C-alpha atoms as a PDB file:
ATOM      1  CA  MET A   1     -25.401   6.580   7.987  1.00  0.00           C
ATOM      2  CA  LEU A   2     -23.740   9.623   9.526  1.00  0.00           C
ATOM      3  CA  PRO A   3     -25.693  12.556  11.002  1.00  0.00           C
ATOM      4  CA  ASP A   4     -25.130  14.608   7.833  1.00  0.00           C
ATOM      5  CA  HIS A   5     -26.803  11.801   5.778  1.00  0.00           C
ATOM      6  CA  THR A   6     -23.490  10.558   4.444  1.00  0.00           C
ATOM      7  CA  VAL A   7     -23.629   6.809   3.764  1.00  0.00           C
ATOM      8  CA  LEU A   8     -20.549   4.666   4.403  1.00  0.00           C
ATOM      9  CA  TRP A   9     -19.979   1.169   3.058  1.00  0.00           C
ATOM     10  CA  SER A  10     -16.995  -1.164   3.075  1.00  0.00           C
ATOM     11  CA  ASP A  11     -15.235  -2.796   0.129  1.00  0.00           C
ATOM     12  CA  ILE A  12     -13.277  -5.196   2.302  1.00  0.00           C
ATOM     13  CA  PRO A  13     -11.172  -7.127  -0.271  1.00  0.00           C
ATOM     14  CA  ASN A  14      -9.999  -3.811  -1.774  1.00  0.00           C
ATOM     15  CA  ASN A  15      -9.227  -2.418   1.689  1.00  0.00           C
ATOM     16  CA  ARG A  16     -11.301   0.727   1.325  1.00  0.00           C
ATOM     17  CA  VAL A  17     -14.403   2.494   2.624  1.00  0.00           C
ATOM     18  CA  LEU A  18     -16.599   4.457   0.250  1.00  0.00           C
ATOM     19  CA  ARG A  19     -18.664   7.513   1.165  1.00  0.00           C
ATOM     20  CA  LEU A  20     -21.835   8.633  -0.597  1.00  0.00           C
ATOM     21  CA  GLY A  21     -22.383  12.307   0.203  1.00  0.00           C
ATOM     22  CA  PRO A  22     -25.766  14.049   0.422  1.00  0.00           C
ATOM     23  CA  ASP A  23     -24.989  15.622  -2.975  1.00  0.00           C
ATOM     24  CA  GLY A  24     -24.508  12.207  -4.615  1.00  0.00           C
ATOM     25  CA  SER A  25     -20.720  12.405  -4.765  1.00  0.00           C
ATOM     26  CA  VAL A  26     -18.635   9.328  -3.907  1.00  0.00           C
ATOM     27  CA  ARG A  27     -15.320   9.495  -2.081  1.00  0.00           C
ATOM     28  CA  VAL A  28     -12.936   6.686  -1.229  1.00  0.00           C
ATOM     29  CA  ASP A  29     -11.124   6.288   2.097  1.00  0.00           C
ATOM     30  CA  ARG A  30      -7.940   4.247   1.815  1.00  0.00           C
ATOM     31  CA  PRO A  31      -6.468   2.395   3.609  1.00  0.00           C
ATOM     32  CA  SER A  32      -9.246   1.268   5.911  1.00  0.00           C
ATOM     33  CA  HIS A  33      -7.388  -1.593   7.599  1.00  0.00           C
ATOM     34  CA  PHE A  34      -9.912  -3.955   5.988  1.00  0.00           C
ATOM     35  CA  ALA A  35     -12.805  -2.222   7.749  1.00  0.00           C
ATOM     36  CA  ASN A  36     -16.139  -3.993   7.896  1.00  0.00           C
ATOM     37  CA  GLY A  37     -19.107  -2.790   9.982  1.00  0.00           C
ATOM     38  CA  HIS A  38     -19.692   0.796  11.103  1.00  0.00           C
ATOM     39  CA  THR A  39     -22.087   2.544  13.443  1.00  0.00           C
ATOM     40  CA  VAL A  40     -22.499   5.879  15.221  1.00  0.00           C
ATOM     41  CA  ASP A  41     -22.352   6.079  19.028  1.00  0.00           C
ATOM     42  CA  LEU A  42     -24.464   8.251  21.325  1.00  0.00           C
ATOM     43  CA  ASN A  43     -22.047  11.175  20.883  1.00  0.00           C
ATOM     44  CA  GLY A  44     -22.325  11.017  17.101  1.00  0.00           C
ATOM     45  CA  ASP A  45     -18.839   9.545  16.747  1.00  0.00           C
ATOM     46  CA  LEU A  46     -18.163   6.929  14.089  1.00  0.00           C
ATOM     47  CA  LEU A  47     -17.193   3.448  15.307  1.00  0.00           C
ATOM     48  CA  ARG A  48     -15.510   0.987  12.955  1.00  0.00           C
ATOM     49  CA  CYS A  49     -14.711  -2.727  13.009  1.00  0.00           C
ATOM     50  CA  GLU A  50     -11.302  -3.446  11.487  1.00  0.00           C
ATOM     51  CA  HIS A  51     -10.309  -6.884  10.286  1.00  0.00           C
ATOM     52  CA  GLY A  52      -6.740  -5.800   9.555  1.00  0.00           C
ATOM     53  CA  ARG A  53      -5.851  -4.509  13.006  1.00  0.00           C
ATOM     54  CA  ARG A  54      -8.356  -6.834  14.715  1.00  0.00           C
ATOM     55  CA  GLN A  55     -10.004  -4.100  16.730  1.00  0.00           C
ATOM     56  CA  VAL A  56     -12.961  -1.784  17.189  1.00  0.00           C
ATOM     57  CA  VAL A  57     -12.000   1.873  16.857  1.00  0.00           C
ATOM     58  CA  ARG A  58     -13.482   5.342  17.096  1.00  0.00           C
ATOM     59  CA  VAL A  59     -12.752   7.469  14.032  1.00  0.00           C
ATOM     60  CA  ASN A  60     -11.684  10.975  15.025  1.00  0.00           C
ATOM     61  CA  ASP A  61     -12.534  14.173  13.153  1.00  0.00           C
ATOM     62  CA  ASP A  62      -9.068  14.311  11.587  1.00  0.00           C
ATOM     63  CA  GLY A  63      -9.343  10.744  10.284  1.00  0.00           C
ATOM     64  CA  SER A  64      -7.113   9.227  12.951  1.00  0.00           C
ATOM     65  CA  THR A  65      -8.484   6.435  15.124  1.00  0.00           C
ATOM     66  CA  THR A  66      -8.652   5.639  18.811  1.00  0.00           C
ATOM     67  CA  THR A  67      -8.718   1.974  19.795  1.00  0.00           C
ATOM     68  CA  LEU A  68     -11.718   1.017  21.927  1.00  0.00           C
ATOM     69  CA  VAL A  69     -10.930  -2.686  22.267  1.00  0.00           C
ATOM     70  CA  ASP A  70      -8.496  -5.097  20.626  1.00  0.00           C
ATOM     71  CA  GLN A  71      -7.947  -7.902  23.164  1.00  0.00           C
ATOM     72  CA  TYR A  72      -9.859 -10.267  25.370  1.00  0.00           C
ATOM     73  CA  MET A  73      -8.279 -12.324  28.170  1.00  0.00           C
ATOM     74  CA  GLY A  74      -4.784 -11.491  26.920  1.00  0.00           C
ATOM     75  CA  GLY A  75      -5.361 -12.580  23.312  1.00  0.00           C
ATOM     76  CA  ARG A  76      -6.023 -10.498  20.222  1.00  0.00           C
ATOM     77  CA  LEU A  77      -9.550 -10.439  18.879  1.00  0.00           C
ATOM     78  CA  ASN A  78     -10.263 -12.476  15.744  1.00  0.00           C
ATOM     79  CA  SER A  79     -11.673  -9.888  13.329  1.00  0.00           C
ATOM     80  CA  PRO A  80     -14.470  -7.645  14.606  1.00  0.00           C
ATOM     81  CA  ASN A  81     -17.219  -7.701  12.010  1.00  0.00           C
ATOM     82  CA  ASP A  82     -20.357  -5.735  12.869  1.00  0.00           C
ATOM     83  CA  VAL A  83     -21.186  -3.315  15.676  1.00  0.00           C
ATOM     84  CA  VAL A  84     -24.186  -1.623  17.303  1.00  0.00           C
ATOM     85  CA  VAL A  85     -24.520   0.778  20.239  1.00  0.00           C
ATOM     86  CA  LYS A  86     -27.302   0.388  22.808  1.00  0.00           C
ATOM     87  CA  SER A  87     -29.071   3.371  24.379  1.00  0.00           C
ATOM     88  CA  ASP A  88     -27.087   2.855  27.607  1.00  0.00           C
ATOM     89  CA  GLY A  89     -23.862   3.521  25.669  1.00  0.00           C
ATOM     90  CA  THR A  90     -22.618  -0.065  25.586  1.00  0.00           C
ATOM     91  CA  THR A  91     -21.057  -1.295  22.349  1.00  0.00           C
ATOM     92  CA  TRP A  92     -21.974  -4.782  21.099  1.00  0.00           C
ATOM     93  CA  PHE A  93     -19.997  -6.446  18.308  1.00  0.00           C
ATOM     94  CA  THR A  94     -19.391  -9.794  16.641  1.00  0.00           C
ATOM     95  CA  ASP A  95     -15.963 -11.396  16.286  1.00  0.00           C
ATOM     96  CA  PRO A  96     -15.914 -14.192  13.670  1.00  0.00           C
ATOM     97  CA  PRO A  97     -12.706 -15.490  12.011  1.00  0.00           C
ATOM     98  CA  TYR A  98     -13.240 -14.108   8.493  1.00  0.00           C
ATOM     99  CA  GLY A  99     -10.442 -11.533   8.655  1.00  0.00           C
ATOM    100  CA  ILE A 100      -7.822 -14.059   9.796  1.00  0.00           C
ATOM    101  CA  ALA A 101      -8.955 -17.050   7.720  1.00  0.00           C
ATOM    102  CA  SER A 102      -6.989 -15.787   4.696  1.00  0.00           C
ATOM    103  CA  ASP A 103      -5.439 -12.633   3.250  1.00  0.00           C
ATOM    104  CA  TYR A 104      -8.610 -11.848   1.268  1.00  0.00           C
ATOM    105  CA  GLU A 105     -10.398  -9.807   3.941  1.00  0.00           C
ATOM    106  CA  GLY A 106      -7.503  -9.178   6.313  1.00  0.00           C
ATOM    107  CA  TYR A 107      -4.307 -10.959   7.253  1.00  0.00           C
ATOM    108  CA  GLU A 108      -4.159 -14.719   7.696  1.00  0.00           C
ATOM    109  CA  ALA A 109      -3.263 -15.599  11.263  1.00  0.00           C
ATOM    110  CA  PRO A 110      -4.119 -18.116  13.980  1.00  0.00           C
ATOM    111  CA  SER A 111      -6.937 -17.301  16.359  1.00  0.00           C
ATOM    112  CA  GLU A 112      -5.948 -16.234  19.852  1.00  0.00           C
ATOM    113  CA  GLN A 113      -9.467 -16.734  21.209  1.00  0.00           C
ATOM    114  CA  PRO A 114     -11.146 -19.983  22.332  1.00  0.00           C
ATOM    115  CA  GLY A 115     -14.204 -19.204  20.209  1.00  0.00           C
ATOM    116  CA  ASN A 116     -16.076 -16.755  18.026  1.00  0.00           C
ATOM    117  CA  PHE A 117     -18.012 -14.528  20.387  1.00  0.00           C
ATOM    118  CA  VAL A 118     -20.544 -11.750  20.531  1.00  0.00           C
ATOM    119  CA  PHE A 119     -19.014  -9.141  22.839  1.00  0.00           C
ATOM    120  CA  ARG A 120     -20.426  -6.360  24.999  1.00  0.00           C
ATOM    121  CA  PHE A 121     -18.077  -3.451  25.729  1.00  0.00           C
ATOM    122  CA  ASP A 122     -18.902  -0.907  28.422  1.00  0.00           C
ATOM    123  CA  PRO A 123     -16.787   2.211  27.770  1.00  0.00           C
ATOM    124  CA  ARG A 124     -17.641   3.704  31.175  1.00  0.00           C
ATOM    125  CA  ARG A 125     -15.930   0.816  32.941  1.00  0.00           C
ATOM    126  CA  ASP A 126     -13.542  -0.095  30.113  1.00  0.00           C
ATOM    127  CA  GLU A 127     -14.997  -3.583  30.507  1.00  0.00           C
ATOM    128  CA  LEU A 128     -15.292  -6.244  27.797  1.00  0.00           C
ATOM    129  CA  ARG A 129     -17.498  -9.293  28.339  1.00  0.00           C
ATOM    130  CA  VAL A 130     -18.700 -12.205  26.222  1.00  0.00           C
ATOM    131  CA  ALA A 131     -22.413 -11.681  25.609  1.00  0.00           C
ATOM    132  CA  THR A 132     -22.858 -15.146  24.044  1.00  0.00           C
ATOM    133  CA  ASP A 133     -20.740 -18.005  22.726  1.00  0.00           C
ATOM    134  CA  LEU A 134     -23.627 -19.934  21.152  1.00  0.00           C
ATOM    135  CA  LEU A 135     -22.952 -18.988  17.519  1.00  0.00           C
ATOM    136  CA  GLU A 136     -20.372 -20.724  15.328  1.00  0.00           C
ATOM    137  CA  GLU A 137     -19.586 -17.616  13.268  1.00  0.00           C
ATOM    138  CA  PRO A 138     -21.531 -14.563  14.466  1.00  0.00           C
ATOM    139  CA  ASN A 139     -21.926 -11.857  11.854  1.00  0.00           C
ATOM    140  CA  GLY A 140     -24.634  -9.171  11.668  1.00  0.00           C
ATOM    141  CA  LEU A 141     -26.475  -7.934  14.742  1.00  0.00           C
ATOM    142  CA  ALA A 142     -29.244  -5.479  15.618  1.00  0.00           C
ATOM    143  CA  PHE A 143     -31.564  -4.642  18.492  1.00  0.00           C
ATOM    144  CA  SER A 144     -35.346  -4.513  18.354  1.00  0.00           C
ATOM    145  CA  PRO A 145     -36.741  -0.956  18.676  1.00  0.00           C
ATOM    146  CA  ASP A 146     -37.259  -1.330  22.449  1.00  0.00           C
ATOM    147  CA  GLU A 147     -33.906  -3.145  22.816  1.00  0.00           C
ATOM    148  CA  SER A 148     -35.590  -6.109  24.498  1.00  0.00           C
ATOM    149  CA  ILE A 149     -34.349  -8.469  21.762  1.00  0.00           C
ATOM    150  CA  LEU A 150     -30.909  -8.803  20.174  1.00  0.00           C
ATOM    151  CA  TYR A 151     -30.782 -10.454  16.757  1.00  0.00           C
ATOM    152  CA  VAL A 152     -27.493 -12.059  15.671  1.00  0.00           C
ATOM    153  CA  SER A 153     -26.814 -13.951  12.455  1.00  0.00           C
ATOM    154  CA  ASP A 154     -24.703 -17.107  12.222  1.00  0.00           C
ATOM    155  CA  THR A 155     -23.104 -17.422   8.778  1.00  0.00           C
ATOM    156  CA  SER A 156     -20.846 -20.454   9.186  1.00  0.00           C
ATOM    157  CA  ALA A 157     -22.452 -21.862   6.002  1.00  0.00           C
ATOM    158  CA  ALA A 158     -20.285 -19.373   4.128  1.00  0.00           C
ATOM    159  CA  SER A 159     -17.117 -21.171   5.234  1.00  0.00           C
ATOM    160  CA  ARG A 160     -18.127 -24.825   5.585  1.00  0.00           C
ATOM    161  CA  GLU A 161     -20.645 -27.183   4.034  1.00  0.00           C
ATOM    162  CA  GLY A 162     -23.547 -27.810   6.360  1.00  0.00           C
ATOM    163  CA  GLY A 163     -22.887 -24.649   8.357  1.00  0.00           C
ATOM    164  CA  ASN A 164     -25.478 -22.305   9.808  1.00  0.00           C
ATOM    165  CA  HIS A 165     -27.436 -19.759   7.799  1.00  0.00           C
ATOM    166  CA  HIS A 166     -29.890 -18.372  10.321  1.00  0.00           C
ATOM    167  CA  ILE A 167     -30.627 -15.446  12.618  1.00  0.00           C
ATOM    168  CA  LEU A 168     -30.884 -16.113  16.345  1.00  0.00           C
ATOM    169  CA  ALA A 169     -32.982 -13.960  18.676  1.00  0.00           C
ATOM    170  CA  PHE A 170     -32.054 -13.411  22.323  1.00  0.00           C
ATOM    171  CA  ASP A 171     -34.045 -11.731  25.068  1.00  0.00           C
ATOM    172  CA  VAL A 172     -31.990  -9.008  26.750  1.00  0.00           C
ATOM    173  CA  GLY A 173     -32.328  -9.337  30.516  1.00  0.00           C
ATOM    174  CA  ALA A 174     -32.326  -6.514  33.024  1.00  0.00           C
ATOM    175  CA  ASP A 175     -28.704  -7.347  33.852  1.00  0.00           C
ATOM    176  CA  GLN A 176     -27.787  -7.210  30.119  1.00  0.00           C
ATOM    177  CA  GLN A 177     -27.490 -11.007  29.946  1.00  0.00           C
ATOM    178  CA  LEU A 178     -28.751 -12.678  26.770  1.00  0.00           C
ATOM    179  CA  GLU A 179     -31.460 -15.229  27.470  1.00  0.00           C
ATOM    180  CA  ASN A 180     -33.879 -17.591  25.689  1.00  0.00           C
ATOM    181  CA  PRO A 181     -31.929 -18.111  22.432  1.00  0.00           C
ATOM    182  CA  ARG A 182     -34.071 -19.286  19.511  1.00  0.00           C
ATOM    183  CA  VAL A 183     -33.897 -19.401  15.722  1.00  0.00           C
ATOM    184  CA  PHE A 184     -35.738 -16.349  14.422  1.00  0.00           C
ATOM    185  CA  ALA A 185     -35.333 -17.044  10.684  1.00  0.00           C
ATOM    186  CA  SER A 186     -33.408 -19.406   8.409  1.00  0.00           C
ATOM    187  CA  ILE A 187     -32.079 -17.913   5.187  1.00  0.00           C
ATOM    188  CA  GLU A 188     -32.405 -20.624   2.530  1.00  0.00           C
ATOM    189  CA  ASP A 189     -30.696 -18.682  -0.279  1.00  0.00           C
ATOM    190  CA  GLY A 190     -27.458 -17.118   0.902  1.00  0.00           C
ATOM    191  CA  VAL A 191     -26.865 -15.845   4.431  1.00  0.00           C
ATOM    192  CA  ALA A 192     -27.941 -13.010   6.699  1.00  0.00           C
ATOM    193  CA  ASP A 193     -24.641 -11.175   6.410  1.00  0.00           C
ATOM    194  CA  GLY A 194     -26.110  -7.907   7.625  1.00  0.00           C
ATOM    195  CA  PHE A 195     -29.562  -6.608   8.556  1.00  0.00           C
ATOM    196  CA  ARG A 196     -31.527  -3.773  10.134  1.00  0.00           C
ATOM    197  CA  VAL A 197     -34.775  -3.443  12.082  1.00  0.00           C
ATOM    198  CA  ASP A 198     -37.444  -0.844  11.266  1.00  0.00           C
ATOM    199  CA  ALA A 199     -39.631   1.172  13.635  1.00  0.00           C
ATOM    200  CA  ASP A 200     -42.262  -1.592  13.697  1.00  0.00           C
ATOM    201  CA  GLY A 201     -39.735  -4.286  14.594  1.00  0.00           C
ATOM    202  CA  ASN A 202     -39.578  -5.859  11.132  1.00  0.00           C
ATOM    203  CA  VAL A 203     -36.194  -7.303  10.175  1.00  0.00           C
ATOM    204  CA  PHE A 204     -34.692  -6.439   6.762  1.00  0.00           C
ATOM    205  CA  THR A 205     -31.899  -8.902   6.002  1.00  0.00           C
ATOM    206  CA  SER A 206     -29.490  -9.744   3.217  1.00  0.00           C
ATOM    207  CA  SER A 207     -29.804 -12.915   1.137  1.00  0.00           C
ATOM    208  CA  ALA A 208     -28.690 -14.211  -2.248  1.00  0.00           C
ATOM    209  CA  LYS A 209     -31.954 -12.991  -3.824  1.00  0.00           C
ATOM    210  CA  GLY A 210     -32.187  -9.558  -2.240  1.00  0.00           C
ATOM    211  CA  ILE A 211     -33.591  -8.171   1.008  1.00  0.00           C
ATOM    212  CA  LEU A 212     -35.900 -10.505   2.915  1.00  0.00           C
ATOM    213  CA  ILE A 213     -38.401  -8.859   5.287  1.00  0.00           C
ATOM    214  CA  TYR A 214     -39.512 -10.691   8.429  1.00  0.00           C
ATOM    215  CA  ALA A 215     -42.207  -9.675  10.905  1.00  0.00           C
ATOM    216  CA  PRO A 216     -41.309  -9.592  14.605  1.00  0.00           C
ATOM    217  CA  ASP A 217     -42.857 -13.063  14.996  1.00  0.00           C
ATOM    218  CA  GLY A 218     -40.568 -14.475  12.284  1.00  0.00           C
ATOM    219  CA  ASP A 219     -43.139 -14.654   9.471  1.00  0.00           C
ATOM    220  CA  LEU A 220     -41.693 -13.824   6.052  1.00  0.00           C
ATOM    221  CA  LEU A 221     -43.464 -10.701   4.764  1.00  0.00           C
ATOM    222  CA  GLY A 222     -41.764 -10.232   1.423  1.00  0.00           C
ATOM    223  CA  LEU A 223     -38.684  -9.746  -0.708  1.00  0.00           C
ATOM    224  CA  ILE A 224     -37.041  -6.689  -2.228  1.00  0.00           C
ATOM    225  CA  GLY A 225     -35.443  -8.246  -5.302  1.00  0.00           C
ATOM    226  CA  VAL A 226     -31.878  -7.192  -6.106  1.00  0.00           C
ATOM    227  CA  PRO A 227     -29.993  -8.440  -9.208  1.00  0.00           C
ATOM    228  CA  GLU A 228     -26.859  -9.223  -7.169  1.00  0.00           C
ATOM    229  CA  VAL A 229     -26.041 -11.089  -3.971  1.00  0.00           C
ATOM    230  CA  VAL A 230     -26.732  -8.716  -1.076  1.00  0.00           C
ATOM    231  CA  SER A 231     -24.335  -8.280   1.847  1.00  0.00           C
ATOM    232  CA  ASN A 232     -25.926  -5.609   4.036  1.00  0.00           C
ATOM    233  CA  CYS A 233     -28.408  -2.760   4.329  1.00  0.00           C
ATOM    234  CA  THR A 234     -29.124   0.317   6.424  1.00  0.00           C
ATOM    235  CA  PHE A 235     -31.757   3.023   6.730  1.00  0.00           C
ATOM    236  CA  GLY A 236     -30.840   6.580   5.839  1.00  0.00           C
ATOM    237  CA  GLY A 237     -31.952   9.815   4.227  1.00  0.00           C
ATOM    238  CA  PRO A 238     -33.540  12.881   5.858  1.00  0.00           C
ATOM    239  CA  ARG A 239     -36.654  10.881   6.827  1.00  0.00           C
ATOM    240  CA  ARG A 240     -34.670   7.702   7.634  1.00  0.00           C
ATOM    241  CA  ASN A 241     -36.960   5.784   5.246  1.00  0.00           C
ATOM    242  CA  CYS A 242     -34.463   5.133   2.457  1.00  0.00           C
ATOM    243  CA  LEU A 243     -33.011   1.628   2.561  1.00  0.00           C
ATOM    244  CA  TYR A 244     -29.450   1.528   1.218  1.00  0.00           C
ATOM    245  CA  ILE A 245     -28.390  -1.936   0.072  1.00  0.00           C
ATOM    246  CA  THR A 246     -24.828  -3.126  -0.515  1.00  0.00           C
ATOM    247  CA  ALA A 247     -24.446  -5.904  -3.082  1.00  0.00           C
ATOM    248  CA  SER A 248     -21.635  -7.628  -4.954  1.00  0.00           C
ATOM    249  CA  THR A 249     -20.554  -4.634  -7.036  1.00  0.00           C
ATOM    250  CA  SER A 250     -23.153  -1.937  -6.389  1.00  0.00           C
ATOM    251  CA  LEU A 251     -24.920   0.249  -3.855  1.00  0.00           C
ATOM    252  CA  TYR A 252     -28.716   0.372  -4.253  1.00  0.00           C
ATOM    253  CA  ALA A 253     -31.338   2.561  -2.621  1.00  0.00           C
ATOM    254  CA  ILE A 254     -35.103   2.319  -2.291  1.00  0.00           C
ATOM    255  CA  ASP A 255     -37.574   4.589  -0.486  1.00  0.00           C
ATOM    256  CA  LEU A 256     -39.941   2.716   1.826  1.00  0.00           C
ATOM    257  CA  ALA A 257     -43.176   3.392   3.667  1.00  0.00           C
ATOM    258  CA  THR A 258     -41.378   2.493   6.894  1.00  0.00           C
ATOM    259  CA  SER A 259     -38.296   3.922   8.558  1.00  0.00           C
ATOM    260  CA  ALA A 260     -35.606   3.337  11.151  1.00  0.00           C
ATOM    261  CA  PRO A 261     -36.705   3.427  14.821  1.00  0.00           C
END
């Protein structure tokens, strides 16, 4: 969600981004270079993961883009997927192969990386580092409210039989290293494509049945049923208590008694 309460969501196969304005109007941005995840940085600027150009960009006021990162160790990124910004200004993003696996969500191409990584980019130093290489196909990611835990989903079950369909939790060390990896939750129906964390540390994640809600200790609290397979969600609205849910063909919204941190 943008500061003016505009909600953005990606329609990747159709190579477009849709915008829901505060007045309820919908506008289409095209082309989007097969954009996937978005977030807002500490300056209020929009950051975007692009499968098509295999990069993370900042979207300028005039609609043009500035590349933040597109290579690691001399090779092009796979297809940046989801992105979050920490309170210290660092940008964390996942880089699975979905945008280069076929022409459906990008452009089919060989990988130029030795793995599918979670990256940490420090714009002050123009420095890109691998935060973890423990996931087969990292997808959604989010920090706990105090940023002591980073949650990352592994959705390799979407591309191979017997693949992973869980969310890992990592402790974030004082030196920004990810430590103590453990399975936080396994999604039995569908995958945790995208998720968000509320002010109490509860995790709201996508699944085939709707939005699953997990307590900080991993206990399943409940389900928000949705009549389509869910891909992602985010908090928005003036009170940041409206959960917007992207599904197969629709955008849903539900007001909650909780809110974003």
